[in-house]
N, C-alpha and C. Protein backbone atom coordinates (compact mmCIF):
# COMPACT_ATOMS: atom_id res chain seq x y z
N MET A 1 52.84 8.81 75.22
CA MET A 1 52.02 8.63 76.41
C MET A 1 51.45 9.97 76.86
N ILE A 2 50.15 10.03 77.10
CA ILE A 2 49.49 11.24 77.58
C ILE A 2 49.44 11.20 79.10
N ARG A 3 50.03 12.19 79.72
CA ARG A 3 50.10 12.25 81.18
C ARG A 3 48.91 13.07 81.72
N VAL A 4 48.19 12.49 82.67
CA VAL A 4 46.97 13.11 83.19
C VAL A 4 47.07 13.27 84.70
N ALA A 5 46.74 14.47 85.20
CA ALA A 5 46.67 14.74 86.63
C ALA A 5 45.20 14.92 87.02
N LEU A 6 44.84 14.42 88.19
CA LEU A 6 43.46 14.48 88.68
C LEU A 6 43.38 15.43 89.87
N ALA A 7 42.36 16.28 89.91
CA ALA A 7 42.16 17.20 91.03
C ALA A 7 40.68 17.21 91.39
N ASP A 8 40.35 16.49 92.45
CA ASP A 8 38.96 16.39 92.91
C ASP A 8 39.01 16.05 94.40
N ASP A 9 38.14 16.68 95.19
CA ASP A 9 38.18 16.44 96.63
C ASP A 9 37.48 15.14 97.04
N ASP A 10 36.86 14.47 96.08
CA ASP A 10 36.17 13.21 96.35
C ASP A 10 37.12 12.04 96.02
N GLU A 11 37.53 11.32 97.06
CA GLU A 11 38.48 10.23 96.87
C GLU A 11 37.93 9.16 95.94
N GLU A 12 36.63 8.87 96.04
CA GLU A 12 36.03 7.85 95.20
C GLU A 12 36.05 8.26 93.73
N ILE A 13 35.78 9.54 93.45
CA ILE A 13 35.84 10.04 92.07
C ILE A 13 37.26 9.86 91.52
N CYS A 14 38.25 10.19 92.32
CA CYS A 14 39.64 10.04 91.87
C CYS A 14 39.96 8.58 91.57
N ARG A 15 39.48 7.66 92.41
CA ARG A 15 39.72 6.24 92.16
C ARG A 15 39.08 5.78 90.86
N GLN A 16 37.83 6.24 90.63
CA GLN A 16 37.14 5.86 89.40
C GLN A 16 37.86 6.39 88.17
N LEU A 17 38.27 7.65 88.23
CA LEU A 17 38.97 8.25 87.10
C LEU A 17 40.30 7.55 86.85
N ARG A 18 41.02 7.24 87.93
CA ARG A 18 42.30 6.56 87.78
C ARG A 18 42.11 5.18 87.15
N ARG A 19 41.05 4.49 87.56
CA ARG A 19 40.79 3.16 87.00
C ARG A 19 40.45 3.25 85.51
N ILE A 20 39.58 4.20 85.14
CA ILE A 20 39.16 4.34 83.75
C ILE A 20 40.32 4.73 82.86
N LEU A 21 41.04 5.77 83.27
CA LEU A 21 42.12 6.29 82.44
C LEU A 21 43.31 5.34 82.43
N GLY A 22 43.56 4.69 83.55
CA GLY A 22 44.70 3.78 83.64
C GLY A 22 44.54 2.54 82.77
N ALA A 23 43.31 2.24 82.38
CA ALA A 23 43.07 1.08 81.53
C ALA A 23 43.43 1.34 80.07
N ALA A 24 43.61 2.60 79.71
CA ALA A 24 43.98 2.95 78.34
C ALA A 24 45.50 2.89 78.19
N ALA A 25 45.97 2.23 77.16
CA ALA A 25 47.40 2.01 77.00
C ALA A 25 48.20 3.29 76.79
N ASP A 26 47.55 4.33 76.27
CA ASP A 26 48.27 5.56 75.95
C ASP A 26 48.07 6.66 76.98
N LEU A 27 47.42 6.35 78.11
CA LEU A 27 47.19 7.34 79.16
C LEU A 27 47.88 6.91 80.45
N GLU A 28 48.46 7.88 81.15
CA GLU A 28 49.10 7.62 82.43
C GLU A 28 48.65 8.65 83.45
N VAL A 29 48.05 8.21 84.54
CA VAL A 29 47.65 9.11 85.62
C VAL A 29 48.87 9.34 86.50
N VAL A 30 49.33 10.59 86.55
CA VAL A 30 50.59 10.90 87.26
C VAL A 30 50.37 11.27 88.72
N GLY A 31 49.11 11.42 89.14
CA GLY A 31 48.84 11.76 90.53
C GLY A 31 47.49 12.40 90.68
N HIS A 32 47.07 12.59 91.94
CA HIS A 32 45.79 13.25 92.19
C HIS A 32 45.92 14.19 93.38
N ALA A 33 45.06 15.18 93.42
CA ALA A 33 45.07 16.18 94.49
C ALA A 33 43.65 16.41 94.96
N HIS A 34 43.50 16.72 96.25
CA HIS A 34 42.17 16.97 96.82
C HIS A 34 41.94 18.43 97.18
N TYR A 35 43.01 19.24 97.15
CA TYR A 35 42.90 20.66 97.53
C TYR A 35 43.53 21.52 96.44
N ALA A 36 43.13 22.79 96.40
CA ALA A 36 43.61 23.69 95.35
C ALA A 36 45.13 23.80 95.34
N ALA A 37 45.73 24.03 96.51
CA ALA A 37 47.19 24.18 96.58
C ALA A 37 47.88 22.89 96.15
N GLU A 38 47.30 21.74 96.53
CA GLU A 38 47.87 20.46 96.13
C GLU A 38 47.83 20.30 94.61
N ALA A 39 46.74 20.77 94.00
CA ALA A 39 46.59 20.66 92.55
C ALA A 39 47.70 21.43 91.83
N LEU A 40 47.96 22.64 92.29
CA LEU A 40 49.02 23.44 91.66
C LEU A 40 50.38 22.78 91.86
N ASP A 41 50.63 22.29 93.06
CA ASP A 41 51.91 21.62 93.34
C ASP A 41 52.06 20.36 92.49
N LEU A 42 50.97 19.62 92.33
CA LEU A 42 51.00 18.39 91.53
C LEU A 42 51.40 18.69 90.09
N VAL A 43 50.82 19.75 89.52
CA VAL A 43 51.13 20.09 88.13
C VAL A 43 52.59 20.52 88.00
N VAL A 44 53.08 21.29 88.97
CA VAL A 44 54.48 21.71 88.93
C VAL A 44 55.41 20.50 88.98
N ARG A 45 55.08 19.53 89.83
CA ARG A 45 55.96 18.37 90.03
C ARG A 45 55.91 17.36 88.88
N THR A 46 54.72 17.22 88.28
CA THR A 46 54.54 16.11 87.32
C THR A 46 54.42 16.55 85.87
N THR A 47 54.24 17.83 85.61
CA THR A 47 54.09 18.40 84.26
C THR A 47 53.17 17.55 83.37
N PRO A 48 51.90 17.42 83.74
CA PRO A 48 50.98 16.61 82.93
C PRO A 48 50.60 17.30 81.63
N ASP A 49 50.09 16.52 80.71
CA ASP A 49 49.55 17.08 79.47
C ASP A 49 48.11 17.57 79.66
N VAL A 50 47.38 16.88 80.52
CA VAL A 50 45.97 17.20 80.76
C VAL A 50 45.71 17.17 82.27
N VAL A 51 44.91 18.13 82.75
CA VAL A 51 44.47 18.14 84.14
C VAL A 51 42.95 18.04 84.15
N LEU A 52 42.41 17.05 84.85
CA LEU A 52 40.98 16.97 85.08
C LEU A 52 40.71 17.62 86.43
N LEU A 53 40.01 18.74 86.42
CA LEU A 53 39.89 19.61 87.59
C LEU A 53 38.44 19.82 87.99
N ASP A 54 38.13 19.52 89.24
CA ASP A 54 36.79 19.74 89.76
C ASP A 54 36.50 21.25 89.80
N VAL A 55 35.27 21.61 89.46
CA VAL A 55 34.87 23.02 89.47
C VAL A 55 35.01 23.62 90.87
N ARG A 56 34.71 22.83 91.89
CA ARG A 56 34.78 23.32 93.27
C ARG A 56 35.85 22.54 94.03
N MET A 57 36.96 23.25 94.33
CA MET A 57 38.06 22.63 95.07
C MET A 57 38.23 23.33 96.41
N PRO A 58 38.38 22.58 97.50
CA PRO A 58 38.65 23.21 98.79
C PRO A 58 39.91 24.06 98.73
N GLY A 59 39.81 25.28 99.22
CA GLY A 59 40.97 26.15 99.24
C GLY A 59 41.13 27.01 98.01
N GLY A 60 40.19 26.92 97.06
CA GLY A 60 40.29 27.77 95.88
C GLY A 60 39.25 27.41 94.84
N ASP A 61 38.76 28.41 94.13
CA ASP A 61 37.78 28.19 93.08
C ASP A 61 38.45 27.54 91.87
N GLY A 62 37.77 26.55 91.29
CA GLY A 62 38.34 25.84 90.15
C GLY A 62 38.70 26.75 89.00
N THR A 63 37.86 27.75 88.75
CA THR A 63 38.12 28.68 87.65
C THR A 63 39.40 29.46 87.89
N GLY A 64 39.63 29.87 89.13
CA GLY A 64 40.86 30.59 89.44
C GLY A 64 42.08 29.72 89.24
N ILE A 65 41.95 28.43 89.55
CA ILE A 65 43.06 27.50 89.35
C ILE A 65 43.38 27.38 87.86
N VAL A 66 42.34 27.37 87.02
CA VAL A 66 42.56 27.31 85.57
C VAL A 66 43.44 28.47 85.13
N SER A 67 43.10 29.68 85.57
CA SER A 67 43.87 30.86 85.18
C SER A 67 45.33 30.73 85.58
N THR A 68 45.56 30.22 86.79
CA THR A 68 46.94 30.05 87.27
C THR A 68 47.68 29.01 86.43
N LEU A 69 47.03 27.89 86.16
CA LEU A 69 47.67 26.84 85.38
C LEU A 69 47.97 27.29 83.96
N ARG A 70 47.05 28.04 83.36
CA ARG A 70 47.25 28.48 81.98
C ARG A 70 48.37 29.52 81.87
N ALA A 71 48.77 30.10 83.00
CA ALA A 71 49.86 31.07 82.99
C ALA A 71 51.23 30.40 83.10
N PHE A 72 51.26 29.09 83.30
CA PHE A 72 52.53 28.37 83.38
C PHE A 72 53.26 28.45 82.03
N PRO A 73 54.58 28.36 82.02
CA PRO A 73 55.34 28.43 80.75
C PRO A 73 54.89 27.40 79.72
N ASP A 74 54.64 26.17 80.17
CA ASP A 74 54.16 25.12 79.27
C ASP A 74 52.88 24.54 79.86
N PRO A 75 51.77 25.26 79.72
CA PRO A 75 50.55 24.90 80.46
C PRO A 75 49.89 23.62 79.96
N PRO A 76 49.30 22.87 80.88
CA PRO A 76 48.53 21.69 80.46
C PRO A 76 47.17 22.10 79.96
N ALA A 77 46.50 21.21 79.24
CA ALA A 77 45.09 21.42 78.91
C ALA A 77 44.29 21.11 80.17
N VAL A 78 43.41 22.03 80.55
CA VAL A 78 42.63 21.87 81.78
C VAL A 78 41.17 21.60 81.42
N VAL A 79 40.67 20.46 81.83
CA VAL A 79 39.28 20.08 81.57
C VAL A 79 38.53 20.10 82.91
N MET A 80 37.47 20.89 82.97
CA MET A 80 36.70 21.03 84.20
C MET A 80 35.72 19.87 84.36
N LEU A 81 35.53 19.45 85.61
CA LEU A 81 34.59 18.37 85.94
C LEU A 81 33.52 18.90 86.89
N THR A 82 32.30 18.43 86.71
CA THR A 82 31.22 18.82 87.61
C THR A 82 30.10 17.79 87.55
N ASN A 83 29.28 17.78 88.57
CA ASN A 83 28.07 16.94 88.54
C ASN A 83 26.91 17.67 87.89
N PHE A 84 26.87 19.01 88.06
CA PHE A 84 25.73 19.79 87.59
C PHE A 84 26.22 21.02 86.82
N PRO A 85 26.42 20.88 85.51
CA PRO A 85 26.92 22.02 84.72
C PRO A 85 25.87 23.11 84.56
N THR A 86 26.31 24.34 84.62
CA THR A 86 25.45 25.48 84.32
C THR A 86 26.10 26.28 83.21
N GLU A 87 25.27 26.98 82.45
CA GLU A 87 25.81 27.78 81.34
C GLU A 87 26.84 28.78 81.84
N ALA A 88 26.55 29.44 82.96
CA ALA A 88 27.46 30.46 83.49
C ALA A 88 28.80 29.84 83.86
N ALA A 89 28.77 28.67 84.50
CA ALA A 89 30.02 28.02 84.91
C ALA A 89 30.84 27.61 83.70
N VAL A 90 30.18 27.07 82.68
CA VAL A 90 30.89 26.64 81.47
C VAL A 90 31.54 27.83 80.78
N LEU A 91 30.79 28.90 80.58
CA LEU A 91 31.32 30.06 79.88
C LEU A 91 32.46 30.70 80.66
N THR A 92 32.33 30.78 81.98
CA THR A 92 33.39 31.36 82.80
C THR A 92 34.66 30.53 82.70
N ALA A 93 34.51 29.21 82.76
CA ALA A 93 35.68 28.33 82.68
C ALA A 93 36.39 28.49 81.34
N ILE A 94 35.63 28.54 80.26
CA ILE A 94 36.23 28.70 78.93
C ILE A 94 36.93 30.04 78.83
N GLU A 95 36.32 31.09 79.37
CA GLU A 95 36.93 32.42 79.34
C GLU A 95 38.27 32.43 80.06
N HIS A 96 38.42 31.60 81.08
CA HIS A 96 39.67 31.55 81.84
C HIS A 96 40.68 30.58 81.24
N GLY A 97 40.33 29.94 80.13
CA GLY A 97 41.30 29.13 79.43
C GLY A 97 41.10 27.63 79.53
N ALA A 98 39.97 27.17 80.09
CA ALA A 98 39.73 25.74 80.17
C ALA A 98 39.59 25.14 78.77
N ALA A 99 40.09 23.92 78.61
CA ALA A 99 40.01 23.25 77.32
C ALA A 99 38.69 22.55 77.11
N GLY A 100 37.90 22.43 78.18
CA GLY A 100 36.61 21.76 78.04
C GLY A 100 35.89 21.63 79.36
N PHE A 101 34.74 20.99 79.30
CA PHE A 101 33.86 20.89 80.46
C PHE A 101 33.12 19.56 80.36
N LEU A 102 33.30 18.70 81.36
CA LEU A 102 32.68 17.39 81.35
C LEU A 102 31.88 17.17 82.63
N VAL A 103 30.77 16.44 82.51
CA VAL A 103 30.06 16.01 83.71
C VAL A 103 30.69 14.71 84.19
N LYS A 104 30.64 14.48 85.50
CA LYS A 104 31.33 13.33 86.08
C LYS A 104 30.68 12.00 85.69
N SER A 105 29.47 12.07 85.15
CA SER A 105 28.80 10.85 84.71
C SER A 105 29.14 10.48 83.27
N THR A 106 30.06 11.21 82.65
CA THR A 106 30.52 10.88 81.29
C THR A 106 30.96 9.41 81.24
N THR A 107 30.57 8.71 80.18
CA THR A 107 30.92 7.29 80.07
C THR A 107 32.43 7.10 79.97
N ALA A 108 32.89 5.92 80.35
CA ALA A 108 34.32 5.64 80.35
C ALA A 108 34.94 5.82 78.96
N ASP A 109 34.29 5.29 77.94
CA ASP A 109 34.83 5.38 76.58
C ASP A 109 34.91 6.83 76.12
N GLU A 110 33.85 7.61 76.43
CA GLU A 110 33.85 9.01 76.00
C GLU A 110 34.90 9.80 76.78
N LEU A 111 35.05 9.51 78.06
CA LEU A 111 36.05 10.22 78.85
C LEU A 111 37.45 10.02 78.28
N VAL A 112 37.80 8.78 77.97
CA VAL A 112 39.12 8.50 77.41
C VAL A 112 39.30 9.23 76.08
N ALA A 113 38.28 9.18 75.23
CA ALA A 113 38.37 9.85 73.92
C ALA A 113 38.53 11.35 74.07
N LEU A 114 37.80 11.94 75.01
CA LEU A 114 37.85 13.39 75.19
C LEU A 114 39.18 13.83 75.80
N VAL A 115 39.75 13.03 76.68
CA VAL A 115 41.07 13.36 77.23
C VAL A 115 42.11 13.36 76.11
N ARG A 116 42.02 12.40 75.20
CA ARG A 116 42.94 12.38 74.07
C ARG A 116 42.79 13.63 73.21
N LEU A 117 41.56 14.05 72.98
CA LEU A 117 41.33 15.27 72.19
C LEU A 117 41.89 16.49 72.89
N ALA A 118 41.68 16.58 74.20
CA ALA A 118 42.20 17.72 74.96
C ALA A 118 43.72 17.79 74.86
N ALA A 119 44.37 16.64 74.93
CA ALA A 119 45.83 16.60 74.82
C ALA A 119 46.30 17.03 73.44
N SER A 120 45.44 16.89 72.45
CA SER A 120 45.80 17.28 71.07
C SER A 120 45.48 18.74 70.77
N GLY A 121 44.96 19.46 71.76
CA GLY A 121 44.71 20.88 71.59
C GLY A 121 43.31 21.26 71.22
N TYR A 122 42.37 20.33 71.30
CA TYR A 122 40.99 20.62 70.96
C TYR A 122 40.21 21.09 72.18
N GLN A 123 39.22 21.94 71.93
CA GLN A 123 38.28 22.35 72.98
C GLN A 123 37.13 21.36 72.93
N LEU A 124 36.68 20.89 74.08
CA LEU A 124 35.73 19.78 74.06
C LEU A 124 34.69 19.88 75.16
N PHE A 125 33.55 19.22 74.88
CA PHE A 125 32.44 19.14 75.82
C PHE A 125 31.79 17.77 75.63
N ASP A 126 31.27 17.20 76.72
CA ASP A 126 30.52 15.97 76.53
C ASP A 126 29.12 16.28 76.03
N GLY A 127 28.34 15.24 75.74
CA GLY A 127 27.05 15.44 75.10
C GLY A 127 26.10 16.32 75.88
N ARG A 128 26.05 16.17 77.19
CA ARG A 128 25.13 16.95 78.00
C ARG A 128 25.46 18.43 77.95
N VAL A 129 26.75 18.77 78.01
CA VAL A 129 27.15 20.17 77.96
C VAL A 129 26.92 20.75 76.58
N ARG A 130 27.22 19.97 75.52
CA ARG A 130 26.97 20.47 74.16
C ARG A 130 25.49 20.78 73.96
N THR A 131 24.62 19.92 74.46
CA THR A 131 23.18 20.15 74.33
C THR A 131 22.78 21.44 75.03
N MET A 132 23.33 21.66 76.21
CA MET A 132 23.01 22.87 76.96
C MET A 132 23.47 24.12 76.22
N LEU A 133 24.68 24.08 75.67
CA LEU A 133 25.21 25.25 74.98
C LEU A 133 24.47 25.52 73.68
N SER A 134 24.02 24.48 73.00
CA SER A 134 23.32 24.67 71.73
C SER A 134 21.97 25.34 71.92
N ALA A 135 21.48 25.37 73.16
CA ALA A 135 20.19 25.98 73.45
C ALA A 135 20.31 27.45 73.83
N GLN A 136 21.48 28.04 73.59
CA GLN A 136 21.67 29.44 73.99
C GLN A 136 20.94 30.41 73.08
N GLY A 137 20.47 29.92 71.95
CA GLY A 137 19.69 30.81 71.08
C GLY A 137 20.51 31.73 70.21
N GLN A 138 21.66 31.29 69.77
CA GLN A 138 22.47 32.09 68.87
C GLN A 138 21.79 32.20 67.50
N PRO A 139 21.99 33.31 66.76
CA PRO A 139 21.40 33.45 65.43
C PRO A 139 21.81 32.30 64.52
N ALA A 140 20.88 31.82 63.71
CA ALA A 140 21.16 30.68 62.83
C ALA A 140 22.14 31.06 61.72
N ALA A 141 22.09 32.29 61.23
CA ALA A 141 22.95 32.69 60.12
C ALA A 141 23.51 34.09 60.38
N PRO A 142 24.51 34.24 61.22
CA PRO A 142 25.08 35.55 61.50
C PRO A 142 25.76 36.14 60.27
N ASP A 143 25.89 37.44 60.23
CA ASP A 143 26.52 38.14 59.11
C ASP A 143 28.03 38.14 59.30
N LEU A 144 28.73 37.41 58.44
CA LEU A 144 30.18 37.33 58.52
C LEU A 144 30.86 38.14 57.42
N SER A 145 30.09 38.95 56.72
CA SER A 145 30.63 39.66 55.55
C SER A 145 31.74 40.65 55.93
N GLY A 146 31.78 41.07 57.19
CA GLY A 146 32.80 42.02 57.60
C GLY A 146 34.14 41.39 57.94
N LEU A 147 34.20 40.07 57.90
CA LEU A 147 35.44 39.39 58.23
C LEU A 147 36.32 39.21 57.00
N THR A 148 37.62 39.29 57.20
CA THR A 148 38.56 39.05 56.11
C THR A 148 38.65 37.55 55.84
N PRO A 149 39.20 37.16 54.69
CA PRO A 149 39.37 35.72 54.41
C PRO A 149 40.15 35.00 55.51
N ARG A 150 41.21 35.63 56.02
CA ARG A 150 41.99 34.99 57.08
C ARG A 150 41.17 34.87 58.36
N GLU A 151 40.38 35.89 58.67
CA GLU A 151 39.54 35.83 59.87
C GLU A 151 38.50 34.71 59.75
N LEU A 152 38.00 34.49 58.54
CA LEU A 152 37.07 33.38 58.33
C LEU A 152 37.75 32.04 58.58
N GLN A 153 39.01 31.93 58.17
CA GLN A 153 39.75 30.70 58.42
C GLN A 153 39.94 30.48 59.93
N VAL A 154 40.28 31.55 60.62
CA VAL A 154 40.46 31.45 62.07
C VAL A 154 39.13 31.11 62.74
N LEU A 155 38.05 31.69 62.25
CA LEU A 155 36.74 31.41 62.82
C LEU A 155 36.38 29.93 62.65
N ARG A 156 36.75 29.36 61.51
CA ARG A 156 36.53 27.92 61.33
C ARG A 156 37.27 27.12 62.39
N GLY A 157 38.48 27.58 62.71
CA GLY A 157 39.24 26.91 63.77
C GLY A 157 38.53 26.99 65.11
N LEU A 158 37.97 28.15 65.42
CA LEU A 158 37.21 28.30 66.66
C LEU A 158 36.01 27.37 66.65
N ARG A 159 35.33 27.31 65.52
CA ARG A 159 34.16 26.44 65.38
C ARG A 159 34.53 24.98 65.62
N ASP A 160 35.74 24.60 65.17
CA ASP A 160 36.18 23.21 65.30
C ASP A 160 36.76 22.91 66.68
N GLY A 161 36.74 23.92 67.56
CA GLY A 161 37.21 23.72 68.93
C GLY A 161 38.71 23.75 69.10
N LEU A 162 39.43 24.36 68.16
CA LEU A 162 40.89 24.38 68.23
C LEU A 162 41.39 25.52 69.12
N SER A 163 42.50 25.28 69.79
CA SER A 163 43.18 26.32 70.53
C SER A 163 43.89 27.25 69.54
N ASN A 164 44.38 28.40 70.03
CA ASN A 164 45.12 29.30 69.16
C ASN A 164 46.34 28.60 68.54
N GLY A 165 47.00 27.77 69.36
CA GLY A 165 48.18 27.07 68.86
C GLY A 165 47.85 26.11 67.73
N ARG A 166 46.73 25.38 67.88
CA ARG A 166 46.32 24.44 66.83
C ARG A 166 45.88 25.17 65.57
N ILE A 167 45.22 26.31 65.73
CA ILE A 167 44.82 27.10 64.56
C ILE A 167 46.07 27.60 63.83
N ALA A 168 47.07 28.02 64.59
CA ALA A 168 48.31 28.50 63.99
C ALA A 168 48.97 27.42 63.16
N VAL A 169 49.00 26.19 63.69
CA VAL A 169 49.59 25.07 62.94
C VAL A 169 48.78 24.79 61.69
N ARG A 170 47.45 24.79 61.81
CA ARG A 170 46.60 24.51 60.66
C ARG A 170 46.82 25.52 59.54
N LEU A 171 46.97 26.80 59.90
CA LEU A 171 47.06 27.86 58.88
C LEU A 171 48.50 28.23 58.53
N GLY A 172 49.46 27.70 59.27
CA GLY A 172 50.85 28.02 58.99
C GLY A 172 51.23 29.44 59.34
N ILE A 173 50.65 29.97 60.42
CA ILE A 173 50.95 31.33 60.86
C ILE A 173 51.31 31.29 62.34
N GLY A 174 51.79 32.42 62.88
CA GLY A 174 52.19 32.46 64.28
C GLY A 174 51.01 32.52 65.22
N GLU A 175 51.21 31.99 66.42
CA GLU A 175 50.13 32.01 67.41
C GLU A 175 49.73 33.44 67.81
N PRO A 176 50.68 34.39 67.97
CA PRO A 176 50.28 35.77 68.26
C PRO A 176 49.39 36.37 67.16
N THR A 177 49.67 35.97 65.90
CA THR A 177 48.83 36.45 64.79
C THR A 177 47.41 35.90 64.92
N VAL A 178 47.30 34.63 65.30
CA VAL A 178 45.98 34.04 65.51
C VAL A 178 45.25 34.78 66.62
N LYS A 179 45.96 35.06 67.69
CA LYS A 179 45.35 35.76 68.83
C LYS A 179 44.80 37.11 68.39
N GLY A 180 45.55 37.82 67.53
CA GLY A 180 45.08 39.11 67.02
C GLY A 180 43.83 38.95 66.17
N HIS A 181 43.79 37.90 65.34
CA HIS A 181 42.60 37.66 64.51
C HIS A 181 41.39 37.32 65.38
N VAL A 182 41.62 36.53 66.44
CA VAL A 182 40.51 36.17 67.32
C VAL A 182 39.93 37.42 67.97
N SER A 183 40.78 38.31 68.42
CA SER A 183 40.31 39.56 69.03
C SER A 183 39.50 40.38 68.04
N SER A 184 39.99 40.46 66.80
CA SER A 184 39.28 41.21 65.77
C SER A 184 37.92 40.59 65.47
N ILE A 185 37.88 39.26 65.39
CA ILE A 185 36.63 38.54 65.12
C ILE A 185 35.60 38.85 66.20
N MET A 186 36.04 38.80 67.45
CA MET A 186 35.12 39.02 68.56
C MET A 186 34.55 40.43 68.55
N VAL A 187 35.39 41.40 68.16
CA VAL A 187 34.91 42.78 68.07
C VAL A 187 33.90 42.91 66.94
N LYS A 188 34.23 42.36 65.78
CA LYS A 188 33.36 42.50 64.61
C LYS A 188 32.03 41.77 64.78
N LEU A 189 32.05 40.64 65.49
CA LEU A 189 30.82 39.86 65.68
C LEU A 189 30.11 40.20 67.00
N HIS A 190 30.68 41.15 67.72
CA HIS A 190 30.09 41.59 69.00
C HIS A 190 29.98 40.41 69.98
N CYS A 191 31.04 39.61 70.03
CA CYS A 191 31.07 38.46 70.93
C CYS A 191 31.86 38.81 72.18
N THR A 192 31.50 38.18 73.27
CA THR A 192 32.21 38.40 74.53
C THR A 192 33.11 37.22 74.88
N SER A 193 33.11 36.17 74.07
CA SER A 193 33.95 35.01 74.36
C SER A 193 34.24 34.24 73.08
N ARG A 194 35.31 33.45 73.10
CA ARG A 194 35.63 32.56 72.00
C ARG A 194 34.51 31.57 71.75
N LEU A 195 33.91 31.11 72.85
CA LEU A 195 32.83 30.13 72.72
C LEU A 195 31.64 30.72 71.97
N GLN A 196 31.30 31.95 72.29
CA GLN A 196 30.19 32.59 71.60
C GLN A 196 30.49 32.71 70.11
N ALA A 197 31.71 33.07 69.76
CA ALA A 197 32.09 33.16 68.35
C ALA A 197 32.02 31.80 67.68
N ALA A 198 32.45 30.76 68.39
CA ALA A 198 32.41 29.40 67.84
C ALA A 198 30.97 28.97 67.59
N LEU A 199 30.07 29.30 68.50
CA LEU A 199 28.67 28.93 68.33
C LEU A 199 28.05 29.68 67.16
N LEU A 200 28.44 30.93 66.98
CA LEU A 200 27.96 31.69 65.82
C LEU A 200 28.45 31.03 64.54
N ALA A 201 29.71 30.63 64.53
CA ALA A 201 30.29 30.02 63.33
C ALA A 201 29.60 28.71 62.99
N ALA A 202 29.17 27.99 64.02
CA ALA A 202 28.53 26.71 63.79
C ALA A 202 27.24 26.84 62.98
N GLY A 203 26.61 28.01 63.06
CA GLY A 203 25.37 28.21 62.31
C GLY A 203 25.57 29.04 61.05
N ALA A 204 26.82 29.27 60.67
CA ALA A 204 27.10 30.17 59.53
C ALA A 204 27.69 29.37 58.37
N GLY A 205 26.93 29.18 57.33
CA GLY A 205 27.41 28.43 56.17
C GLY A 205 28.58 29.09 55.48
N SER A 206 28.67 30.42 55.53
CA SER A 206 29.74 31.11 54.80
C SER A 206 31.11 30.81 55.41
N ALA A 207 31.14 30.45 56.71
CA ALA A 207 32.43 30.10 57.31
C ALA A 207 32.97 28.81 56.69
N GLU A 208 32.07 27.96 56.23
CA GLU A 208 32.47 26.70 55.64
C GLU A 208 33.22 26.92 54.34
N ASN A 209 32.96 28.05 53.69
CA ASN A 209 33.59 28.30 52.38
C ASN A 209 34.83 29.17 52.50
N ALA A 210 35.32 29.37 53.71
CA ALA A 210 36.51 30.20 53.85
C ALA A 210 37.67 29.58 53.11
N PRO A 211 38.48 30.39 52.42
CA PRO A 211 39.61 29.86 51.66
C PRO A 211 40.68 29.26 52.57
C-alpha cells in the first residue's frame, strides 16, 4: 500500500485529491494539511511514502518545506502541485529535492500513475510541465566524451528520472558513489542541476550506448 499525504490550503483541492487517490486500491491517503507547519507535523505523524505539496503554503514556502522533508531520516517523495507552473519554480523545486512537479488539472488516471512512479523512486512531470521543460533549448547533441563509462551509466539514470537510490540499485553500487558521479557529471557538462543534466542526456545518443 502506498501512503500519500496531502498539503494544500484549498479544502476543495484536498477533497478532490482524496477522492481520486482513495479510489485506487493500492493508494491510501493518510491525511491532509492546510498550513506549512501542519504539513511537517503530518509527515512526522503518518510517515507517508509520497507527499503532494502545494507550491504556495500559508506559513512557509513550498520549496523550503521540500528541503526540510528531504532532510528527514526516511524522507518521502515530495511532488509539487501548482495551477500555473513556471520554469523557475520547477527547477528550484527539483534543486531542493522534489520528486516531480504536477499541475492541479492533471487527469485522475495520470495523477494515480504518477504517484505510483514517485513512490518507486522516479522523478516525474505531467505532460504540460514536460512540454515546458523541453522548450528550454538544450543542445541536441552535447559532447559526452569526457565522461567515464560509469558516469555515462549514471547519466542514463538521470535521463530516466531515477533518484540516486534507484540508480544505485540499478548499477549495484552505493548511493554515496552515485552522488559523487552525479557531482562529477554536472561539473564536466557545466550543468547547474540534475534536471539540466537529464535534459542534456535526453538529446545525447551516446548515453544510450553506455555499458
